[in-house]
Protein backbone atom coordinates (compact mmCIF):
# COMPACT_ATOMS: atom_id res chain seq x y z
CA MET A 1 22.76 0.19 21.90
CA LEU A 2 20.10 2.56 23.28
CA SER A 3 21.26 6.08 24.12
CA PRO A 4 20.47 7.58 27.47
CA ALA A 5 17.62 9.69 25.90
CA GLU A 6 16.13 6.51 24.31
CA THR A 7 16.60 4.49 27.64
CA LEU A 8 14.40 7.25 29.26
CA ARG A 9 11.82 7.46 26.40
CA TYR A 10 11.29 3.62 26.26
CA SER A 11 11.53 3.12 30.04
CA ARG A 12 7.97 1.66 30.30
CA HIS A 13 8.88 -0.90 27.72
CA LEU A 14 12.22 -1.69 29.25
CA ILE A 15 10.60 -2.72 32.59
CA LEU A 16 8.28 -5.01 30.82
CA PRO A 17 9.75 -8.55 31.15
CA ASP A 18 8.51 -9.62 27.74
CA ILE A 19 10.28 -6.72 25.99
CA GLY A 20 13.07 -5.36 28.12
CA LEU A 21 16.33 -4.24 26.66
CA THR A 22 16.60 -7.03 24.16
CA GLY A 23 13.14 -6.49 22.78
CA GLN A 24 13.61 -2.71 22.45
CA LYS A 25 16.94 -3.22 20.56
CA ARG A 26 15.02 -5.45 18.17
CA LEU A 27 12.48 -2.67 17.66
CA LYS A 28 15.17 -0.23 17.09
CA ALA A 29 16.82 -2.45 14.42
CA ALA A 30 13.56 -3.17 12.66
CA ARG A 31 12.46 -1.77 9.36
CA VAL A 32 8.78 -1.64 8.84
CA LEU A 33 6.96 -0.49 5.62
CA LEU A 34 3.52 0.95 5.76
CA VAL A 35 1.64 0.91 2.61
CA GLY A 36 -0.64 4.05 2.84
CA ALA A 37 -0.50 6.97 5.17
CA GLY A 38 -4.23 7.27 5.41
CA GLY A 39 -6.85 5.83 7.89
CA LEU A 40 -5.07 2.72 8.82
CA GLY A 41 -1.61 3.92 8.29
CA SER A 42 -2.12 6.85 10.62
CA PRO A 43 -2.52 5.02 14.00
CA ALA A 44 -0.14 2.28 12.91
CA ALA A 45 2.64 4.81 12.04
CA LEU A 46 2.11 6.81 15.13
CA TYR A 47 2.20 3.87 17.54
CA LEU A 48 5.17 2.17 15.59
CA ALA A 49 7.11 5.44 15.80
CA ALA A 50 6.28 5.90 19.49
CA ALA A 51 7.38 2.38 20.22
CA GLY A 52 10.77 3.01 18.73
CA VAL A 53 10.76 1.13 15.54
CA GLY A 54 14.02 2.13 14.00
CA THR A 55 13.07 2.76 10.37
CA ILE A 56 9.60 3.43 9.06
CA GLY A 57 8.83 3.36 5.38
CA LEU A 58 5.76 5.08 3.98
CA VAL A 59 4.29 4.60 0.53
CA ASP A 60 1.69 7.15 -0.58
CA TRP A 61 1.29 9.41 -3.53
CA ASP A 62 -1.77 11.41 -2.31
CA VAL A 63 -2.27 14.84 -0.64
CA VAL A 64 -4.09 15.67 2.38
CA ASP A 65 -7.71 16.56 1.88
CA VAL A 66 -10.09 18.07 4.36
CA SER A 67 -12.41 15.03 4.17
CA ASN A 68 -9.45 12.85 5.34
CA LEU A 69 -9.23 14.59 8.73
CA GLN A 70 -12.12 12.89 10.18
CA ARG A 71 -9.98 9.73 10.57
CA GLN A 72 -6.44 10.28 9.23
CA ILE A 73 -5.04 11.47 12.53
CA LEU A 74 -1.40 11.75 11.05
CA HIS A 75 -2.55 15.00 9.43
CA GLY A 76 -3.98 18.25 10.63
CA THR A 77 -5.85 21.25 9.23
CA ALA A 78 -2.74 23.11 8.34
CA ASP A 79 -1.61 20.09 6.25
CA VAL A 80 -4.61 20.26 3.74
CA GLY A 81 -3.16 20.32 0.27
CA ARG A 82 0.14 19.09 1.47
CA SER A 83 1.72 15.79 0.50
CA LYS A 84 0.68 13.07 2.88
CA LEU A 85 4.31 11.98 3.16
CA ASP A 86 5.57 15.42 4.08
CA SER A 87 2.91 15.71 6.62
CA ALA A 88 3.52 12.22 8.08
CA ARG A 89 7.25 12.59 8.08
CA ALA A 90 7.06 15.82 10.17
CA ARG A 91 4.50 14.43 12.60
CA LEU A 92 6.43 11.21 13.19
CA ARG A 93 9.82 13.04 13.53
CA ASP A 94 8.12 15.38 16.16
CA LEU A 95 6.66 12.31 17.88
CA ASN A 96 10.10 10.48 18.07
CA PRO A 97 13.26 12.10 16.52
CA HIS A 98 15.04 8.79 17.03
CA VAL A 99 13.07 7.19 14.17
CA GLN A 100 14.13 7.17 10.65
CA VAL A 101 11.39 7.81 8.20
CA GLU A 102 11.82 6.69 4.55
CA THR A 103 9.15 7.95 2.01
CA PHE A 104 8.12 6.66 -1.39
CA ALA A 105 5.95 9.17 -3.24
CA VAL A 106 4.63 6.70 -5.74
CA ARG A 107 1.82 4.26 -6.31
CA LEU A 108 2.82 0.77 -5.43
CA THR A 109 2.89 -1.19 -8.64
CA SER A 110 4.10 -4.44 -10.03
CA ASP A 111 7.12 -2.43 -11.37
CA ASN A 112 8.38 -1.18 -8.06
CA ALA A 113 6.79 -3.36 -5.31
CA LEU A 114 9.68 -5.92 -5.13
CA ASP A 115 12.31 -3.26 -4.78
CA ILE A 116 10.44 -1.31 -2.20
CA VAL A 117 9.17 -4.23 -0.10
CA GLY A 118 12.44 -5.95 -0.36
CA GLY A 119 14.03 -3.35 1.74
CA PHE A 120 11.94 -3.93 4.90
CA ASP A 121 11.39 -6.68 7.40
CA VAL A 122 7.66 -6.30 7.75
CA VAL A 123 5.00 -4.74 5.70
CA VAL A 124 1.73 -3.23 7.21
CA ASP A 125 -0.96 -3.01 4.55
CA GLY A 126 -3.14 0.06 5.09
CA SER A 127 -4.37 0.15 1.44
CA ASP A 128 -8.00 0.66 0.56
CA ASN A 129 -8.36 -1.22 -2.71
CA PHE A 130 -8.16 -4.79 -3.91
CA PRO A 131 -5.54 -4.48 -6.58
CA THR A 132 -3.07 -3.20 -3.93
CA ARG A 133 -3.92 -5.78 -1.38
CA TYR A 134 -3.26 -8.55 -3.86
CA LEU A 135 -0.10 -6.82 -5.00
CA VAL A 136 1.23 -6.50 -1.43
CA ASN A 137 0.25 -10.09 -0.67
CA ASP A 138 2.04 -11.56 -3.57
CA ALA A 139 5.03 -9.29 -3.24
CA CYS A 140 5.37 -10.46 0.47
CA VAL A 141 4.88 -14.10 -0.49
CA LEU A 142 7.65 -13.97 -3.20
CA LEU A 143 9.97 -12.15 -0.94
CA GLY A 144 9.26 -14.18 2.29
CA LYS A 145 7.99 -11.16 4.20
CA PRO A 146 5.10 -11.06 6.80
CA ASN A 147 2.11 -9.00 5.87
CA VAL A 148 0.12 -7.28 8.59
CA TYR A 149 -3.40 -6.98 7.04
CA GLY A 150 -6.19 -4.59 7.94
CA SER A 151 -9.38 -3.39 6.21
CA ILE A 152 -12.33 -1.21 7.25
CA PHE A 153 -15.68 -0.43 5.85
CA ARG A 154 -18.47 1.54 7.56
CA PHE A 155 -18.67 0.04 11.05
CA ASP A 156 -16.78 -3.25 10.32
CA GLY A 157 -13.15 -4.03 10.48
CA GLN A 158 -10.70 -7.01 9.88
CA ALA A 159 -7.19 -7.70 10.84
CA SER A 160 -4.79 -10.69 10.34
CA LEU A 161 -1.16 -11.49 9.94
CA PHE A 162 -0.28 -13.33 6.64
CA ASP A 163 3.01 -15.13 6.50
CA ALA A 164 3.20 -17.74 3.79
CA ARG A 165 6.34 -19.34 5.33
CA ILE A 166 4.21 -20.51 8.40
CA GLY A 167 0.70 -20.05 7.48
CA PRO A 168 -1.91 -18.83 5.00
CA CYS A 169 -1.69 -15.72 2.75
CA TYR A 170 -4.30 -13.34 1.72
CA ARG A 171 -5.17 -15.40 -1.39
CA CYS A 172 -5.76 -18.38 0.83
CA LEU A 173 -8.56 -16.46 2.36
CA PHE A 174 -9.79 -14.46 -0.72
CA ALA A 175 -8.93 -16.55 -3.71
CA ASP A 176 -10.67 -14.33 -6.14
CA PRO A 177 -11.42 -10.53 -5.87
CA PRO A 178 -15.05 -9.40 -5.80
CA PRO A 179 -16.56 -8.05 -8.98
CA PRO A 180 -15.72 -4.49 -9.79
CA ASP A 181 -17.83 -1.98 -8.14
CA LEU A 182 -19.58 -4.48 -5.91
CA VAL A 183 -17.88 -3.22 -2.80
CA PRO A 184 -17.98 0.57 -2.43
CA SER A 185 -14.95 2.45 -1.25
CA CYS A 186 -14.92 4.34 2.03
CA ALA A 187 -15.52 7.52 0.01
CA GLU A 188 -18.62 5.83 -1.47
CA GLY A 189 -19.96 3.94 1.55
CA GLY A 190 -18.42 5.85 4.44
CA VAL A 191 -16.41 4.80 7.46
CA LEU A 192 -16.78 5.52 11.17
CA GLY A 193 -13.78 7.79 11.98
CA VAL A 194 -12.64 5.93 15.03
CA LEU A 195 -12.69 2.59 13.33
CA PRO A 196 -9.42 2.78 11.40
CA GLY A 197 -7.94 3.88 14.89
CA ILE A 198 -8.88 0.55 16.32
CA ILE A 199 -7.91 -1.73 13.40
CA GLY A 200 -4.74 0.32 12.69
CA SER A 201 -3.62 0.06 16.28
CA ILE A 202 -4.19 -3.78 16.18
CA GLN A 203 -1.81 -3.82 13.11
CA ALA A 204 0.81 -1.89 15.08
CA LEU A 205 0.33 -4.34 17.99
CA GLU A 206 0.78 -7.32 15.73
CA THR A 207 3.89 -5.85 14.28
CA ILE A 208 5.51 -5.02 17.60
CA LYS A 209 4.72 -8.55 18.81
CA LEU A 210 6.22 -9.98 15.60
CA ILE A 211 9.39 -7.98 15.97
CA VAL A 212 9.85 -8.57 19.73
CA GLY A 213 8.91 -12.20 19.52
CA VAL A 214 6.19 -12.13 22.33
CA GLY A 215 2.71 -13.42 22.50
CA THR A 216 0.69 -15.30 19.97
CA THR A 217 0.10 -13.39 16.58
CA LEU A 218 -2.81 -13.41 14.30
CA VAL A 219 -1.23 -15.96 11.85
CA GLY A 220 -3.89 -18.37 10.93
CA ARG A 221 -6.55 -16.21 12.43
CA LEU A 222 -8.96 -13.58 10.97
CA LEU A 223 -10.09 -11.07 13.62
CA LEU A 224 -13.53 -9.41 12.76
CA PHE A 225 -14.69 -6.21 14.54
CA ASP A 226 -18.23 -4.92 14.70
CA ALA A 227 -18.16 -1.43 16.04
CA ARG A 228 -21.93 -1.16 16.44
CA LYS A 229 -21.95 -4.13 18.93
CA LEU A 230 -18.34 -3.55 20.14
CA GLN A 231 -17.87 -7.23 19.35
CA PHE A 232 -14.83 -9.15 18.26
CA ARG A 233 -15.10 -12.58 16.52
CA GLU A 234 -12.43 -14.71 15.16
CA LEU A 235 -12.17 -17.14 12.20
CA ALA A 236 -9.62 -19.90 11.84
CA LEU A 237 -7.71 -19.75 8.63
CA THR A 238 -5.77 -22.57 6.98
CA LYS A 239 -3.32 -22.60 4.17
CA ASP A 240 -4.81 -23.48 0.75
CA PRO A 241 -2.59 -26.24 -0.86
CA GLU A 242 -4.17 -24.93 -4.16
CA CYS A 243 -3.26 -21.29 -3.60
CA PRO A 244 -1.74 -19.96 -6.87
CA VAL A 245 0.96 -18.00 -5.09
CA CYS A 246 1.79 -19.87 -1.91
CA GLY A 247 0.35 -23.35 -2.55
CA SER A 248 2.14 -26.62 -3.37
CA HIS A 249 2.37 -25.85 -7.03
CA PRO A 250 2.19 -22.04 -7.46
CA THR A 251 1.26 -20.61 -10.87
CA VAL A 252 1.84 -16.90 -9.78
CA THR A 253 5.73 -16.61 -9.62
CA ALA A 254 6.03 -13.00 -10.59
CA LEU A 255 3.93 -10.00 -10.01
CA ILE A 256 1.05 -9.58 -12.38
CA ASP A 257 -1.35 -6.85 -13.65
CA TYR A 258 -3.41 -6.47 -10.58
CA GLU A 259 -5.92 -3.94 -12.12
CA ALA A 260 -6.65 -6.42 -14.78
CA PHE A 261 -6.89 -9.27 -12.22
CA CYS A 262 -9.43 -7.32 -10.27
CA GLY A 263 -11.39 -6.48 -13.33
CA MET A 264 -10.59 -2.79 -13.30
CA GLY A 265 -8.19 -2.55 -16.33
CA ASP A 266 -10.64 -2.82 -19.20
CA GLY A 267 -11.10 0.92 -19.70
CA ARG A 268 -14.97 0.58 -19.17
CA ARG A 269 -14.91 3.76 -16.92
CA GLY A 270 -13.94 6.02 -19.65
CA THR A 271 -16.41 8.58 -21.21
CA GLY A 272 -15.44 7.74 -24.74
CA ASP A 273 -17.31 4.65 -24.99
CA GLY A 274 -20.51 6.47 -24.01
CA VAL A 275 -21.04 4.61 -20.57
CA GLU A 276 -20.18 7.83 -18.63
CA ILE A 277 -20.67 11.51 -19.09
CA ALA A 278 -18.62 14.16 -17.57
CA ALA A 279 -20.23 16.76 -15.26
CA ALA A 280 -19.70 19.80 -17.50
CA GLU A 281 -20.90 17.89 -20.50
CA LEU A 282 -24.08 16.77 -18.56
CA LYS A 283 -24.72 20.35 -17.75
CA ARG A 284 -24.54 21.48 -21.27
CA GLU A 285 -26.75 18.64 -22.57
CA TRP A 286 -29.24 19.24 -19.77
CA ILE A 287 -29.73 22.94 -20.91
CA THR A 288 -30.40 21.78 -24.48
CA ASN A 289 -32.54 18.85 -23.52
CA PRO A 290 -34.69 19.71 -20.48
CA GLN A 291 -36.37 16.38 -20.83
CA LEU A 292 -33.31 14.55 -19.79
CA VAL A 293 -33.86 12.38 -16.78
CA VAL A 294 -31.23 12.41 -14.06
CA ILE A 295 -31.58 9.78 -11.33
CA ASP A 296 -29.95 10.02 -8.02
CA VAL A 297 -29.37 6.49 -6.78
CA ARG A 298 -27.88 7.44 -3.35
CA GLU A 299 -29.61 6.93 -0.05
CA PRO A 300 -32.12 9.55 1.39
CA HIS A 301 -29.67 10.60 4.12
CA GLU A 302 -27.16 11.49 1.40
CA TYR A 303 -29.70 13.37 -0.54
CA GLU A 304 -30.25 15.58 2.59
CA ILE A 305 -26.51 16.37 2.65
CA ALA A 306 -26.37 17.53 -1.00
CA ARG A 307 -28.41 17.29 -4.13
CA ILE A 308 -28.39 18.26 -7.79
CA ASP A 309 -31.46 20.48 -8.63
CA GLY A 310 -33.76 18.71 -10.92
CA ALA A 311 -32.39 15.15 -10.20
CA ARG A 312 -34.92 12.46 -9.13
CA LEU A 313 -34.17 10.36 -6.06
CA ILE A 314 -34.56 6.67 -6.59
CA PRO A 315 -32.15 4.78 -4.21
CA LEU A 316 -30.25 1.95 -5.91
CA SER A 317 -31.85 -0.62 -3.56
CA GLU A 318 -35.34 0.59 -4.71
CA LEU A 319 -34.50 0.83 -8.43
CA PRO A 320 -35.51 -2.77 -9.52
CA GLY A 321 -38.97 -2.21 -8.08
CA ARG A 322 -39.47 1.18 -9.44
CA LEU A 323 -38.69 0.65 -13.11
CA ARG A 324 -42.17 1.22 -14.22
CA GLU A 325 -41.87 4.88 -13.13
CA LEU A 326 -39.35 5.42 -15.91
CA ASP A 327 -39.84 6.14 -19.47
CA GLY A 328 -37.88 3.43 -21.50
CA ARG A 329 -37.45 5.99 -24.36
CA ALA A 330 -36.00 8.74 -22.28
CA ALA A 331 -32.43 9.79 -22.12
CA ILE A 332 -31.31 8.80 -18.65
CA VAL A 333 -28.29 9.76 -16.52
CA THR A 334 -27.63 8.09 -13.15
CA HIS A 335 -25.50 9.53 -10.50
CA CYS A 336 -24.27 8.77 -7.05
CA HIS A 337 -21.59 10.11 -4.75
CA HIS A 338 -18.44 9.16 -6.78
CA GLY A 339 -19.81 7.13 -9.55
CA VAL A 340 -19.60 3.56 -8.36
CA ARG A 341 -23.32 2.86 -7.42
CA SER A 342 -24.40 4.73 -10.57
CA LEU A 343 -22.60 2.34 -12.75
CA GLN A 344 -24.41 -0.48 -11.02
CA ALA A 345 -27.63 1.37 -11.63
CA LEU A 346 -26.63 1.76 -15.40
CA ALA A 347 -26.08 -1.89 -15.72
CA LEU A 348 -29.41 -2.73 -14.08
CA LEU A 349 -31.30 -0.39 -16.32
CA LYS A 350 -29.51 -1.69 -19.48
CA GLY A 351 -30.39 -5.16 -18.43
CA ALA A 352 -33.97 -4.18 -18.13
CA GLY A 353 -34.09 -2.87 -21.67
CA PHE A 354 -33.36 0.88 -21.16
CA ALA A 355 -31.34 1.73 -24.15
CA ASN A 356 -30.14 5.38 -23.60
CA VAL A 357 -28.50 5.26 -20.16
CA ARG A 358 -25.17 6.90 -18.96
CA SER A 359 -23.56 7.44 -15.68
CA LEU A 360 -22.25 10.76 -14.27
CA GLN A 361 -18.48 10.25 -14.11
CA GLY A 362 -17.28 11.20 -10.57
CA GLY A 363 -20.93 11.56 -9.18
CA ILE A 364 -22.22 14.61 -7.40
CA ASP A 365 -18.84 15.21 -6.08
CA ALA A 366 -17.54 16.02 -9.69
CA TRP A 367 -20.72 18.08 -10.21
CA SER A 368 -19.81 20.26 -7.22
CA VAL A 369 -16.19 20.69 -8.51
CA ALA A 370 -16.95 21.33 -12.14
CA VAL A 371 -20.43 22.79 -12.25
CA ASP A 372 -22.01 24.09 -9.05
CA PRO A 373 -19.68 24.75 -6.11
CA GLU A 374 -22.78 25.60 -4.02
CA VAL A 375 -23.43 21.85 -3.80
CA PRO A 376 -21.69 20.76 -0.66
CA ARG A 377 -18.93 18.23 -0.88
CA TYR A 378 -18.82 15.30 1.50
């Protein structure tokens, strides 16, 4: 039953015919797991806690960084350096002391996902990488749990509700992950701060509707949002009978190595194979070899924010048409913001016949941390 304090707190829900006392009791009895306490997890957690979801689980292993605060509204300036879980727990308990918050300070992996996900009714996926999205999907399919999906990038967002018991799963939509490093992360490509607020709130809305049993959910539909145009579009989704995890003859019957599945487990990002060079090592080598060519493959607007003295700006998009400007015999190091685009530039240069090319591991951000703190971090 609801206490007098809860009755007052949720009074605006209770007078809604579609929710009422029965719906509010369902919310109180529900257990919802949020994967990630970042951009998407922040608004989702806040609205689910405010709505009276009885138990909210949070999976995150990171700490609050000042660059998070532009969009991760669960956390404040005083929380910088603090565990995101500690920050989130305190904020949610302050927002609604009637809600129980369970935290898991771990990376979600194939070893622990079934145990963690199995303890909840609904999973809200606020992750920002493909291995975790496939992991969450497969765990939800194997356990028969609904998966409230959201993703964001720059000015664009997506949302859906995957429930293989009654509709398609994430793999029905994205059978194969994109090639590694093809899609930059938010740290590399940027994201409009308010965008996760919109998509995360939609995830919270879908979760509440699902628990209460009201309205039409996003099962079988992919919602696309363009913030520039303030435009929503919708794509119809169908279940893939050949889906390897939820199809007629599934081949994925247990959790797998998702880093390897997404092409990220082959160790190619290590410095030992000569593909990448650490910032401090680049500094030492540059001193002994002033002829070393360092190419900044970021965009001009990023170059205005921060730059490495002596680096030459050739945006990745322009690099194929400017190869003649480079000496094929020179030692070259490419760099970008965090190292994703510079690896693409490295592959392009290698393919064009440049033999001595490496990528700055961690990009200009690593250079700022390890070599020159006067270079602004962003």
